[in-house]
C-alpha cells in the first residue's frame, strides 16, 4: 500500500497541480481520484486489483513499480 501512496504523491499529485491546462488529461484526473479512494479506504479491495495492476506499466520508477508488484503479490496470496 505504501508503494501506491508513493506513486500517488510522486506522479499523480504533481500532475494534478500542473497549471498547463493544454496538456491536462481527464484520464489522469480520474486515475488520481480512483487512487485517492483506495488510499482513503486503506487497502486494495479485490475488485480494485486489476485497476492497480493496470497502473504498473505507467510507473516510471522501477523501485515503486517493484514495491507495488510485491504488494499485489502479497495480497493475492492472502
PDB file of N, CA and C in Angstrom:
ATOM      1  N   UNK A   1       0.820  -1.174   0.000  1.00  0.00           N
ATOM      2  CA  UNK A   1       0.000   0.000   0.000  1.00  0.00           C
ATOM      3  C   UNK A   1       0.876   1.254   0.000  1.00  0.00           C
ATOM      4  N   UNK A   2       2.012   1.146   0.654  1.00  0.00           N
ATOM      5  CA  UNK A   2       2.944   2.276   0.695  1.00  0.00           C
ATOM      6  C   UNK A   2       3.421   2.651  -0.708  1.00  0.00           C
ATOM      7  N   UNK A   3       3.626   1.651  -1.553  1.00  0.00           N
ATOM      8  CA  UNK A   3       4.070   1.917  -2.926  1.00  0.00           C
ATOM      9  C   UNK A   3       3.001   2.668  -3.709  1.00  0.00           C
ATOM     10  N   UNK A   4       1.738   2.335  -3.497  1.00  0.00           N
ATOM     11  CA  UNK A   4       0.662   3.052  -4.174  1.00  0.00           C
ATOM     12  C   UNK A   4       0.618   4.504  -3.706  1.00  0.00           C
ATOM     13  N   UNK A   5       0.852   4.701  -2.428  1.00  0.00           N
ATOM     14  CA  UNK A   5       0.880   6.070  -1.900  1.00  0.00           C
ATOM     15  C   UNK A   5       2.062   6.850  -2.479  1.00  0.00           C
ATOM     16  N   UNK A   6       3.208   6.198  -2.635  1.00  0.00           N
ATOM     17  CA  UNK A   6       4.366   6.861  -3.247  1.00  0.00           C
ATOM     18  C   UNK A   6       4.050   7.254  -4.689  1.00  0.00           C
ATOM     19  N   UNK A   7       3.421   6.341  -5.433  1.00  0.00           N
ATOM     20  CA  UNK A   7       3.033   6.644  -6.809  1.00  0.00           C
ATOM     21  C   UNK A   7       2.087   7.833  -6.833  1.00  0.00           C
ATOM     22  N   UNK A   8       1.146   7.835  -5.936  1.00  0.00           N
ATOM     23  CA  UNK A   8       0.185   8.930  -5.841  1.00  0.00           C
ATOM     24  C   UNK A   8       0.898  10.260  -5.582  1.00  0.00           C
ATOM     25  N   UNK A   9       1.771  10.261  -4.586  1.00  0.00           N
ATOM     26  CA  UNK A   9       2.476  11.510  -4.221  1.00  0.00           C
ATOM     27  C   UNK A   9       3.434  11.968  -5.313  1.00  0.00           C
ATOM     28  N   UNK A  10       4.216  11.049  -5.874  1.00  0.00           N
ATOM     29  CA  UNK A  10       5.267  11.426  -6.810  1.00  0.00           C
ATOM     30  C   UNK A  10       4.774  11.700  -8.221  1.00  0.00           C
ATOM     31  N   UNK A  11       3.696  11.057  -8.636  1.00  0.00           N
ATOM     32  CA  UNK A  11       3.232  11.207 -10.014  1.00  0.00           C
ATOM     33  C   UNK A  11       1.884  11.913 -10.117  1.00  0.00           C
ATOM     34  N   UNK A  12       0.894  11.391  -9.434  1.00  0.00           N
ATOM     35  CA  UNK A  12      -0.455  11.905  -9.628  1.00  0.00           C
ATOM     36  C   UNK A  12      -0.668  13.286  -9.030  1.00  0.00           C
ATOM     37  N   UNK A  13      -0.137  13.543  -7.847  1.00  0.00           N
ATOM     38  CA  UNK A  13      -0.306  14.876  -7.259  1.00  0.00           C
ATOM     39  C   UNK A  13       0.446  15.925  -8.061  1.00  0.00           C
ATOM     40  N   UNK A  14       1.633  15.588  -8.511  1.00  0.00           N
ATOM     41  CA  UNK A  14       2.402  16.520  -9.328  1.00  0.00           C
ATOM     42  C   UNK A  14       1.700  16.842 -10.626  1.00  0.00           C
ATOM     43  N   UNK A  15       1.107  15.844 -11.223  1.00  0.00           N
ATOM     44  CA  UNK A  15       0.383  16.059 -12.472  1.00  0.00           C
ATOM     45  C   UNK A  15      -0.861  16.909 -12.232  1.00  0.00           C
ATOM     46  N   UNK A  16      -1.575  16.618 -11.164  1.00  0.00           N
ATOM     47  CA  UNK A  16      -2.820  17.335 -10.876  1.00  0.00           C
ATOM     48  C   UNK A  16      -2.573  18.807 -10.595  1.00  0.00           C
ATOM     49  N   UNK A  17      -1.395  19.133 -10.109  1.00  0.00           N
ATOM     50  CA  UNK A  17      -1.107  20.530  -9.798  1.00  0.00           C
ATOM     51  C   UNK A  17      -0.559  21.287 -11.009  1.00  0.00           C
ATOM     52  N   UNK A  18      -0.429  20.597 -12.136  1.00  0.00           N
ATOM     53  CA  UNK A  18       0.064  21.228 -13.356  1.00  0.00           C
ATOM     54  C   UNK A  18      -0.917  22.307 -13.806  1.00  0.00           C
ATOM     55  N   UNK A  19      -0.424  23.505 -13.930  1.00  0.00           N
ATOM     56  CA  UNK A  19      -1.285  24.634 -14.296  1.00  0.00           C
ATOM     57  C   UNK A  19      -1.495  24.736 -15.806  1.00  0.00           C
ATOM     58  N   UNK A  20      -0.808  23.911 -16.571  1.00  0.00           N
ATOM     59  CA  UNK A  20      -0.922  23.966 -18.022  1.00  0.00           C
ATOM     60  C   UNK A  20      -2.134  23.145 -18.456  1.00  0.00           C
ATOM     61  N   UNK A  21      -3.250  23.794 -18.608  1.00  0.00           N
ATOM     62  CA  UNK A  21      -4.490  23.095 -18.933  1.00  0.00           C
ATOM     63  C   UNK A  21      -4.502  22.557 -20.358  1.00  0.00           C
ATOM     64  N   UNK A  22      -3.581  22.986 -21.196  1.00  0.00           N
ATOM     65  CA  UNK A  22      -3.500  22.446 -22.554  1.00  0.00           C
ATOM     66  C   UNK A  22      -3.169  20.965 -22.549  1.00  0.00           C
ATOM     67  N   UNK A  23      -2.344  20.565 -21.598  1.00  0.00           N
ATOM     68  CA  UNK A  23      -1.926  19.165 -21.559  1.00  0.00           C
ATOM     69  C   UNK A  23      -2.668  18.380 -20.481  1.00  0.00           C
ATOM     70  N   UNK A  24      -3.673  19.008 -19.882  1.00  0.00           N
ATOM     71  CA  UNK A  24      -4.436  18.338 -18.832  1.00  0.00           C
ATOM     72  C   UNK A  24      -5.145  17.113 -19.405  1.00  0.00           C
ATOM     73  N   UNK A  25      -5.096  16.031 -18.703  1.00  0.00           N
ATOM     74  CA  UNK A  25      -5.637  14.761 -19.161  1.00  0.00           C
ATOM     75  C   UNK A  25      -6.731  14.291 -18.200  1.00  0.00           C
ATOM     76  N   UNK A  26      -7.935  14.167 -18.697  1.00  0.00           N
ATOM     77  CA  UNK A  26      -9.059  13.744 -17.869  1.00  0.00           C
ATOM     78  C   UNK A  26      -8.833  12.336 -17.333  1.00  0.00           C
ATOM     79  N   UNK A  27      -8.260  11.456 -18.143  1.00  0.00           N
ATOM     80  CA  UNK A  27      -7.988  10.092 -17.677  1.00  0.00           C
ATOM     81  C   UNK A  27      -7.045  10.101 -16.481  1.00  0.00           C
ATOM     82  N   UNK A  28      -6.052  10.973 -16.526  1.00  0.00           N
ATOM     83  CA  UNK A  28      -5.102  11.065 -15.410  1.00  0.00           C
ATOM     84  C   UNK A  28      -5.830  11.563 -14.154  1.00  0.00           C
ATOM     85  N   UNK A  29      -6.737  12.514 -14.325  1.00  0.00           N
ATOM     86  CA  UNK A  29      -7.504  13.010 -13.180  1.00  0.00           C
ATOM     87  C   UNK A  29      -8.377  11.900 -12.599  1.00  0.00           C
ATOM     88  N   UNK A  30      -8.986  11.127 -13.470  1.00  0.00           N
ATOM     89  CA  UNK A  30      -9.825  10.029 -12.997  1.00  0.00           C
ATOM     90  C   UNK A  30      -8.983   8.970 -12.282  1.00  0.00           C
ATOM     91  N   UNK A  31      -7.785   8.722 -12.784  1.00  0.00           N
ATOM     92  CA  UNK A  31      -6.872   7.790 -12.122  1.00  0.00           C
ATOM     93  C   UNK A  31      -6.506   8.314 -10.746  1.00  0.00           C
ATOM     94  N   UNK A  32      -6.195   9.600 -10.665  1.00  0.00           N
ATOM     95  CA  UNK A  32      -5.854  10.226  -9.381  1.00  0.00           C
ATOM     96  C   UNK A  32      -7.010  10.070  -8.401  1.00  0.00           C
ATOM     97  N   UNK A  33      -8.220  10.361  -8.836  1.00  0.00           N
ATOM     98  CA  UNK A  33      -9.391  10.244  -7.968  1.00  0.00           C
ATOM     99  C   UNK A  33      -9.601   8.806  -7.507  1.00  0.00           C
ATOM    100  N   UNK A  34      -9.398   7.859  -8.403  1.00  0.00           N
ATOM    101  CA  UNK A  34      -9.566   6.437  -8.081  1.00  0.00           C
ATOM    102  C   UNK A  34      -8.532   6.000  -7.041  1.00  0.00           C
ATOM    103  N   UNK A  35      -7.287   6.397  -7.241  1.00  0.00           N
ATOM    104  CA  UNK A  35      -6.231   6.046  -6.293  1.00  0.00           C
ATOM    105  C   UNK A  35      -6.500   6.704  -4.942  1.00  0.00           C
ATOM    106  N   UNK A  36      -6.983   7.928  -4.941  1.00  0.00           N
ATOM    107  CA  UNK A  36      -7.334   8.599  -3.681  1.00  0.00           C
ATOM    108  C   UNK A  36      -8.373   7.795  -2.907  1.00  0.00           C
ATOM    109  N   UNK A  37      -9.383   7.293  -3.597  1.00  0.00           N
ATOM    110  CA  UNK A  37     -10.419   6.494  -2.927  1.00  0.00           C
ATOM    111  C   UNK A  37      -9.817   5.240  -2.299  1.00  0.00           C
ATOM    112  N   UNK A  38      -8.914   4.589  -3.013  1.00  0.00           N
ATOM    113  CA  UNK A  38      -8.263   3.390  -2.474  1.00  0.00           C
ATOM    114  C   UNK A  38      -7.447   3.755  -1.238  1.00  0.00           C
ATOM    115  N   UNK A  39      -6.696   4.845  -1.311  1.00  0.00           N
ATOM    116  CA  UNK A  39      -5.865   5.252  -0.177  1.00  0.00           C
ATOM    117  C   UNK A  39      -6.712   5.654   1.024  1.00  0.00           C
ATOM    118  N   UNK A  40      -7.863   6.253   0.778  1.00  0.00           N
ATOM    119  CA  UNK A  40      -8.754   6.626   1.879  1.00  0.00           C
ATOM    120  C   UNK A  40      -9.288   5.391   2.593  1.00  0.00           C
ATOM    121  N   UNK A  41      -9.594   4.350   1.824  1.00  0.00           N
ATOM    122  CA  UNK A  41     -10.081   3.098   2.413  1.00  0.00           C
ATOM    123  C   UNK A  41      -8.962   2.433   3.215  1.00  0.00           C
ATOM    124  N   UNK A  42      -7.744   2.486   2.691  1.00  0.00           N
ATOM    125  CA  UNK A  42      -6.596   1.942   3.403  1.00  0.00           C
ATOM    126  C   UNK A  42      -6.156   0.562   2.960  1.00  0.00           C
ATOM    127  N   UNK A  43      -6.843   0.022   1.974  1.00  0.00           N
ATOM    128  CA  UNK A  43      -6.445  -1.278   1.422  1.00  0.00           C
ATOM    129  C   UNK A  43      -7.011  -1.398   0.014  1.00  0.00           C
ATOM    130  N   UNK A  44      -6.498  -2.356  -0.721  1.00  0.00           N
ATOM    131  CA  UNK A  44      -6.968  -2.586  -2.080  1.00  0.00           C
ATOM    132  C   UNK A  44      -7.989  -3.713  -2.044  1.00  0.00           C
ATOM    133  N   UNK A  45      -9.207  -3.390  -2.411  1.00  0.00           N
ATOM    134  CA  UNK A  45     -10.256  -4.403  -2.464  1.00  0.00           C
ATOM    135  C   UNK A  45     -10.001  -5.323  -3.647  1.00  0.00           C
ATOM    136  N   UNK A  46     -10.546  -6.517  -3.587  1.00  0.00           N
ATOM    137  CA  UNK A  46     -10.368  -7.485  -4.680  1.00  0.00           C
ATOM    138  C   UNK A  46     -10.797  -6.894  -6.019  1.00  0.00           C
ATOM    139  N   UNK A  47     -11.852  -6.104  -6.006  1.00  0.00           N
ATOM    140  CA  UNK A  47     -12.354  -5.515  -7.249  1.00  0.00           C
ATOM    141  C   UNK A  47     -11.427  -4.434  -7.808  1.00  0.00           C
ATOM    142  N   UNK A  48     -10.473  -3.971  -7.012  1.00  0.00           N
ATOM    143  CA  UNK A  48      -9.554  -2.914  -7.434  1.00  0.00           C
ATOM    144  C   UNK A  48      -8.201  -3.442  -7.911  1.00  0.00           C
ATOM    145  N   UNK A  49      -7.943  -4.720  -7.726  1.00  0.00           N
ATOM    146  CA  UNK A  49      -6.627  -5.278  -8.054  1.00  0.00           C
ATOM    147  C   UNK A  49      -6.290  -5.091  -9.536  1.00  0.00           C
ATOM    148  N   UNK A  50      -7.227  -5.370 -10.416  1.00  0.00           N
ATOM    149  CA  UNK A  50      -6.961  -5.206 -11.849  1.00  0.00           C
ATOM    150  C   UNK A  50      -6.674  -3.744 -12.200  1.00  0.00           C
ATOM    151  N   UNK A  51      -7.383  -2.821 -11.560  1.00  0.00           N
ATOM    152  CA  UNK A  51      -7.124  -1.398 -11.794  1.00  0.00           C
ATOM    153  C   UNK A  51      -5.690  -1.049 -11.394  1.00  0.00           C
ATOM    154  N   UNK A  52      -5.284  -1.480 -10.221  1.00  0.00           N
ATOM    155  CA  UNK A  52      -3.934  -1.159  -9.742  1.00  0.00           C
ATOM    156  C   UNK A  52      -2.890  -1.819 -10.640  1.00  0.00           C
ATOM    157  N   UNK A  53      -3.143  -3.050 -11.070  1.00  0.00           N
ATOM    158  CA  UNK A  53      -2.210  -3.716 -11.990  1.00  0.00           C
ATOM    159  C   UNK A  53      -2.089  -2.943 -13.303  1.00  0.00           C
ATOM    160  N   UNK A  54      -3.167  -2.311 -13.726  1.00  0.00           N
ATOM    161  CA  UNK A  54      -3.131  -1.544 -14.977  1.00  0.00           C
ATOM    162  C   UNK A  54      -2.253  -0.307 -14.865  1.00  0.00           C
ATOM    163  N   UNK A  55      -1.965   0.124 -13.650  1.00  0.00           N
ATOM    164  CA  UNK A  55      -1.101   1.290 -13.434  1.00  0.00           C
ATOM    165  C   UNK A  55       0.382   0.953 -13.602  1.00  0.00           C
ATOM    166  N   UNK A  56       0.732  -0.293 -13.390  1.00  0.00           N
ATOM    167  CA  UNK A  56       2.141  -0.699 -13.359  1.00  0.00           C
ATOM    168  C   UNK A  56       2.957  -0.254 -14.574  1.00  0.00           C
ATOM    169  N   UNK A  57       2.481  -0.426 -15.806  1.00  0.00           N
ATOM    170  CA  UNK A  57       3.302  -0.015 -16.948  1.00  0.00           C
ATOM    171  C   UNK A  57       3.581   1.494 -17.005  1.00  0.00           C
ATOM    172  N   UNK A  58       2.735   2.289 -16.362  1.00  0.00           N
ATOM    173  CA  UNK A  58       2.904   3.749 -16.397  1.00  0.00           C
ATOM    174  C   UNK A  58       3.822   4.275 -15.303  1.00  0.00           C
ATOM    175  N   UNK A  59       4.206   3.427 -14.373  1.00  0.00           N
ATOM    176  CA  UNK A  59       5.057   3.865 -13.269  1.00  0.00           C
ATOM    177  C   UNK A  59       6.503   3.841 -13.736  1.00  0.00           C
ATOM    178  N   UNK A  60       7.099   5.006 -13.834  1.00  0.00           N
ATOM    179  CA  UNK A  60       8.465   5.120 -14.350  1.00  0.00           C
ATOM    180  C   UNK A  60       9.511   4.615 -13.368  1.00  0.00           C
ATOM    181  N   UNK A  61       9.258   4.797 -12.088  1.00  0.00           N
ATOM    182  CA  UNK A  61      10.220   4.393 -11.068  1.00  0.00           C
ATOM    183  C   UNK A  61      10.201   2.873 -10.895  1.00  0.00           C
ATOM    184  N   UNK A  62      11.320   2.253 -11.198  1.00  0.00           N
ATOM    185  CA  UNK A  62      11.442   0.799 -11.046  1.00  0.00           C
ATOM    186  C   UNK A  62      11.203   0.398  -9.593  1.00  0.00           C
ATOM    187  N   UNK A  63      11.699   1.191  -8.669  1.00  0.00           N
ATOM    188  CA  UNK A  63      11.549   0.896  -7.244  1.00  0.00           C
ATOM    189  C   UNK A  63      10.076   0.860  -6.845  1.00  0.00           C
ATOM    190  N   UNK A  64       9.329   1.881  -7.231  1.00  0.00           N
ATOM    191  CA  UNK A  64       7.918   1.939  -6.878  1.00  0.00           C
ATOM    192  C   UNK A  64       7.139   0.830  -7.578  1.00  0.00           C
ATOM    193  N   UNK A  65       7.447   0.585  -8.845  1.00  0.00           N
ATOM    194  CA  UNK A  65       6.759  -0.467  -9.593  1.00  0.00           C
ATOM    195  C   UNK A  65       6.994  -1.830  -8.938  1.00  0.00           C
ATOM    196  N   UNK A  66       8.230  -2.106  -8.565  1.00  0.00           N
ATOM    197  CA  UNK A  66       8.562  -3.378  -7.930  1.00  0.00           C
ATOM    198  C   UNK A  66       7.865  -3.513  -6.575  1.00  0.00           C
ATOM    199  N   UNK A  67       7.876  -2.440  -5.789  1.00  0.00           N
ATOM    200  CA  UNK A  67       7.215  -2.479  -4.480  1.00  0.00           C
ATOM    201  C   UNK A  67       5.715  -2.732  -4.635  1.00  0.00           C
ATOM    202  N   UNK A  68       5.108  -2.091  -5.622  1.00  0.00           N
ATOM    203  CA  UNK A  68       3.675  -2.271  -5.834  1.00  0.00           C
ATOM    204  C   UNK A  68       3.369  -3.682  -6.334  1.00  0.00           C
ATOM    205  N   UNK A  69       4.214  -4.211  -7.221  1.00  0.00           N
ATOM    206  CA  UNK A  69       4.037  -5.598  -7.680  1.00  0.00           C
ATOM    207  C   UNK A  69       4.144  -6.565  -6.507  1.00  0.00           C
ATOM    208  N   UNK A  70       5.106  -6.344  -5.630  1.00  0.00           N
ATOM    209  CA  UNK A  70       5.288  -7.218  -4.473  1.00  0.00           C
ATOM    210  C   UNK A  70       4.083  -7.132  -3.536  1.00  0.00           C
ATOM    211  N   UNK A  71       3.561  -5.907  -3.363  1.00  0.00           N
ATOM    212  CA  UNK A  71       2.381  -5.741  -2.508  1.00  0.00           C
ATOM    213  C   UNK A  71       1.187  -6.483  -3.115  1.00  0.00           C
ATOM    214  N   UNK A  72       0.993  -6.339  -4.417  1.00  0.00           N
ATOM    215  CA  UNK A  72      -0.120  -7.031  -5.086  1.00  0.00           C
ATOM    216  C   UNK A  72       0.033  -8.542  -4.964  1.00  0.00           C
ATOM    217  N   UNK A  73       1.266  -9.023  -5.109  1.00  0.00           N
ATOM    218  CA  UNK A  73       1.514 -10.458  -4.954  1.00  0.00           C
ATOM    219  C   UNK A  73       1.188 -10.924  -3.533  1.00  0.00           C
ATOM    220  N   UNK A  74       1.523 -10.103  -2.541  1.00  0.00           N
ATOM    221  CA  UNK A  74       1.292 -10.490  -1.141  1.00  0.00           C
ATOM    222  C   UNK A  74      -0.201 -10.524  -0.816  1.00  0.00           C
ATOM    223  N   UNK A  75      -0.987  -9.633  -1.395  1.00  0.00           N
ATOM    224  CA  UNK A  75      -2.421  -9.667  -1.096  1.00  0.00           C
ATOM    225  C   UNK A  75      -3.127 -10.748  -1.909  1.00  0.00           C
ATOM    226  N   UNK A  76      -2.541 -11.130  -3.021  1.00  0.00           N
ATOM    227  CA  UNK A  76      -3.132 -12.197  -3.836  1.00  0.00           C
ATOM    228  C   UNK A  76      -3.007 -13.533  -3.114  1.00  0.00           C
ATOM    229  N   UNK A  77      -1.954 -13.677  -2.327  1.00  0.00           N
ATOM    230  CA  UNK A  77      -1.713 -14.912  -1.577  1.00  0.00           C
ATOM    231  C   UNK A  77      -2.642 -14.993  -0.386  1.00  0.00           C
ATOM    232  N   UNK A  78      -2.985 -13.864   0.185  1.00  0.00           N
ATOM    233  CA  UNK A  78      -3.822 -13.829   1.398  1.00  0.00           C
ATOM    234  C   UNK A  78      -5.180 -14.408   1.191  1.00  0.00           C
TER     235      UNK A  78
END
